[in-house]
């Protein structure tokens, strides 16, 4: 009975406004999906059916089809050809036995690092000038700071011939050079 009285007291304009608000609230509730509780730790997250179907299709492919799929995806997505990572990432290998070490040929080192250990104070100016001329992008101030920060790496990842030439040139002007 009280509700009937309330309805009579509400003007038509107020009733229309109330009606619009309730309709909007229902529409918003339909658009916004209800909040879902995240799965607890240790339990796999639910996957959409679309993703599940794609995974099922890929697992049914043979190696040739997987290779072809990979090439097509690289072309479509403009992905560079990257070297394949080992399955476990970079893992430490188990130490080899002595017999295996003797049989396996030793790896040839192809990149070297030239390191300046110390220098003769009497030939410091000549060494600074030589560093400025040998290393690209160095001005006189940078070369001076470089020489004074000994021990330091002069160049890294260079060939053996280039490392020997650099060692010879810097040794002539009083530097003690080590090649690693």
Protein backbone atom coordinates (compact mmCIF):
# COMPACT_ATOMS: atom_id res chain seq x y z
CA UNK A 1 0.00 0.00 0.00
CA UNK A 2 2.85 2.35 0.78
CA UNK A 3 4.40 1.67 -2.63
CA UNK A 4 1.24 2.78 -4.37
CA UNK A 5 1.30 6.04 -2.45
CA UNK A 6 4.94 6.57 -3.38
CA UNK A 7 4.21 6.02 -7.03
CA UNK A 8 1.39 8.54 -6.88
CA UNK A 9 3.66 11.14 -5.27
CA UNK A 10 6.42 10.73 -7.90
CA UNK A 11 5.94 13.07 -10.83
CA UNK A 12 6.00 11.78 -14.38
CA UNK A 13 9.38 13.45 -15.04
CA UNK A 14 10.95 11.77 -12.01
CA UNK A 15 9.47 8.41 -12.97
CA UNK A 16 10.89 8.72 -16.50
CA UNK A 17 14.34 9.59 -15.14
CA UNK A 18 14.21 6.64 -12.76
CA UNK A 19 13.16 4.35 -15.58
CA UNK A 20 16.06 5.49 -17.80
CA UNK A 21 18.60 4.96 -15.03
CA UNK A 22 17.41 1.46 -14.29
CA UNK A 23 17.50 0.60 -18.00
CA UNK A 24 21.04 1.97 -18.36
CA UNK A 25 22.15 0.06 -15.29
CA UNK A 26 20.83 -3.18 -16.79
CA UNK A 27 22.61 -2.50 -20.13
CA UNK A 28 25.92 -1.75 -18.39
CA UNK A 29 25.60 -4.91 -16.33
CA UNK A 30 25.10 -6.94 -19.53
CA UNK A 31 28.11 -5.34 -21.28
CA UNK A 32 30.52 -5.73 -18.38
CA UNK A 33 31.16 -9.36 -17.72
CA UNK A 34 31.10 -10.38 -14.10
CA UNK A 35 34.44 -10.46 -12.36
CA UNK A 36 36.05 -13.85 -12.32
CA UNK A 37 38.13 -15.16 -9.49
CA UNK A 38 41.71 -15.89 -10.61
CA UNK A 39 42.77 -19.53 -10.36
CA UNK A 40 44.87 -20.43 -7.33
CA UNK A 41 48.62 -20.88 -7.68
CA UNK A 42 49.68 -24.27 -8.95
CA UNK A 43 46.52 -24.70 -11.04
CA UNK A 44 46.70 -24.05 -14.78
CA UNK A 45 44.91 -20.96 -16.03
CA UNK A 46 41.87 -21.81 -18.14
CA UNK A 47 42.47 -21.38 -21.87
CA UNK A 48 39.96 -20.13 -24.41
CA UNK A 49 38.51 -22.75 -26.77
CA UNK A 50 39.99 -20.93 -29.78
CA UNK A 51 43.54 -21.23 -28.37
CA UNK A 52 42.90 -24.83 -27.35
CA UNK A 53 41.89 -25.69 -30.93
CA UNK A 54 45.03 -24.04 -32.38
CA UNK A 55 47.25 -25.94 -29.95
CA UNK A 56 45.55 -29.22 -30.84
CA UNK A 57 46.04 -28.55 -34.57
CA UNK A 58 49.74 -27.69 -34.14
CA UNK A 59 50.45 -30.76 -32.04
CA UNK A 60 49.04 -32.95 -34.84
CA UNK A 61 51.53 -31.56 -37.41
CA UNK A 62 54.63 -33.49 -38.47
CA UNK A 63 58.12 -31.92 -38.56
CA UNK A 64 57.92 -30.83 -42.20
CA UNK A 65 54.59 -29.11 -41.64
CA UNK A 66 55.95 -27.40 -38.49
CA UNK A 67 58.91 -26.12 -40.49
CA UNK A 68 56.60 -24.82 -43.21
CA UNK A 69 54.36 -23.18 -40.59
CA UNK A 70 57.39 -21.51 -39.03
CA UNK A 71 58.52 -20.10 -42.38
CA UNK A 72 55.06 -18.76 -43.19
CA UNK A 73 54.75 -17.10 -39.77
CA UNK A 74 58.18 -15.50 -40.13
CA UNK A 75 57.18 -14.04 -43.49
CA UNK A 76 53.77 -12.80 -42.34
CA UNK A 77 55.01 -11.31 -39.06
CA UNK A 78 58.32 -10.02 -40.50
CA UNK A 79 60.39 -11.91 -37.93
CA UNK A 80 64.17 -12.21 -38.40
CA UNK A 81 65.81 -15.61 -38.66
CA UNK A 82 67.16 -16.12 -35.15
CA UNK A 83 69.34 -19.06 -34.13
CA UNK A 84 67.44 -21.74 -32.28
CA UNK A 85 67.97 -21.83 -28.54
CA UNK A 86 68.69 -25.16 -26.92
CA UNK A 87 65.67 -26.65 -25.21
CA UNK A 88 66.99 -26.10 -21.69
CA UNK A 89 68.56 -22.72 -22.42
CA UNK A 90 72.22 -22.41 -21.53
CA UNK A 91 72.95 -25.21 -19.13
CA UNK A 92 76.30 -26.25 -17.74
CA UNK A 93 77.61 -29.38 -19.40
CA UNK A 94 78.80 -32.26 -17.26
CA UNK A 95 82.59 -32.45 -17.00
CA UNK A 96 84.02 -34.72 -19.67
CA UNK A 97 86.20 -37.66 -18.74
CA UNK A 98 89.94 -37.57 -19.52
CA UNK A 99 89.55 -40.02 -22.40
CA UNK A 100 87.02 -37.76 -24.12
CA UNK A 101 89.27 -34.75 -23.63
CA UNK A 102 92.20 -36.50 -25.29
CA UNK A 103 90.10 -37.66 -28.24
CA UNK A 104 88.33 -34.32 -28.82
CA UNK A 105 90.42 -31.75 -30.71
CA UNK A 106 91.05 -28.50 -28.90
CA UNK A 107 89.05 -25.54 -30.10
CA UNK A 108 90.97 -22.89 -31.99
CA UNK A 109 90.58 -19.44 -30.48
CA UNK A 110 89.44 -16.96 -33.13
CA UNK A 111 88.84 -13.75 -31.17
CA UNK A 112 91.37 -12.04 -28.94
CA UNK A 113 91.40 -9.18 -26.46
CA UNK A 114 94.29 -6.70 -26.26
CA UNK A 115 94.85 -5.33 -22.77
CA UNK A 116 97.28 -2.58 -21.70
CA UNK A 117 98.81 -3.53 -18.34
CA UNK A 118 101.17 -0.59 -17.73
CA UNK A 119 103.29 1.97 -19.58
CA UNK A 120 106.58 3.87 -19.32
CA UNK A 121 106.00 7.32 -17.79
CA UNK A 122 108.80 8.82 -19.93
CA UNK A 123 106.95 7.91 -23.13
CA UNK A 124 103.45 8.84 -21.97
CA UNK A 125 102.97 11.62 -24.56
CA UNK A 126 104.02 9.35 -27.42
CA UNK A 127 101.71 6.61 -26.14
CA UNK A 128 98.77 9.04 -25.97
CA UNK A 129 99.40 10.12 -29.58
CA UNK A 130 99.66 6.48 -30.70
CA UNK A 131 96.41 5.54 -28.94
CA UNK A 132 94.69 8.53 -30.57
CA UNK A 133 95.83 7.44 -34.02
CA UNK A 134 95.15 3.70 -33.58
CA UNK A 135 91.72 3.81 -31.94
CA UNK A 136 88.94 5.37 -33.95
CA UNK A 137 86.85 8.16 -32.45
CA UNK A 138 89.40 9.20 -29.81
CA UNK A 139 90.47 12.82 -29.47
CA UNK A 140 93.55 13.85 -27.48
CA UNK A 141 91.71 14.29 -24.18
CA UNK A 142 89.97 10.92 -24.48
CA UNK A 143 93.25 9.21 -25.38
CA UNK A 144 94.93 10.78 -22.32
CA UNK A 145 92.16 9.60 -19.99
CA UNK A 146 92.30 6.14 -21.62
CA UNK A 147 96.06 5.83 -21.07
CA UNK A 148 95.83 7.06 -17.49
CA UNK A 149 93.14 4.49 -16.64
CA UNK A 150 95.59 1.57 -17.06
CA UNK A 151 95.07 -1.43 -16.75
CA UNK A 152 92.39 -1.36 -19.43
CA UNK A 153 91.19 -3.23 -22.50
CA UNK A 154 92.38 -1.59 -25.70
CA UNK A 155 90.30 -3.69 -28.14
CA UNK A 156 88.20 -6.82 -27.74
CA UNK A 157 87.01 -9.53 -30.16
CA UNK A 158 89.63 -8.96 -32.84
CA UNK A 159 91.61 -11.37 -35.01
CA UNK A 160 95.04 -12.64 -34.01
CA UNK A 161 96.80 -10.66 -36.77
CA UNK A 162 95.14 -7.41 -35.73
CA UNK A 163 95.94 -8.11 -32.06
CA UNK A 164 99.62 -8.72 -32.89
CA UNK A 165 99.85 -5.49 -34.94
CA UNK A 166 98.24 -3.50 -32.12
CA UNK A 167 100.57 -5.04 -29.54
CA UNK A 168 103.63 -4.26 -31.66
CA UNK A 169 102.61 -0.63 -32.28
CA UNK A 170 101.84 0.09 -28.62
CA UNK A 171 104.94 -1.77 -27.32
CA UNK A 172 107.15 0.51 -29.47
CA UNK A 173 105.94 3.53 -27.50
CA UNK A 174 106.47 2.03 -24.05
CA UNK A 175 103.25 0.14 -23.24
CA UNK A 176 103.15 -3.33 -21.71
CA UNK A 177 100.52 -5.25 -23.66
CA UNK A 178 98.89 -8.59 -22.96
CA UNK A 179 96.82 -10.58 -25.46
CA UNK A 180 94.11 -12.83 -24.07
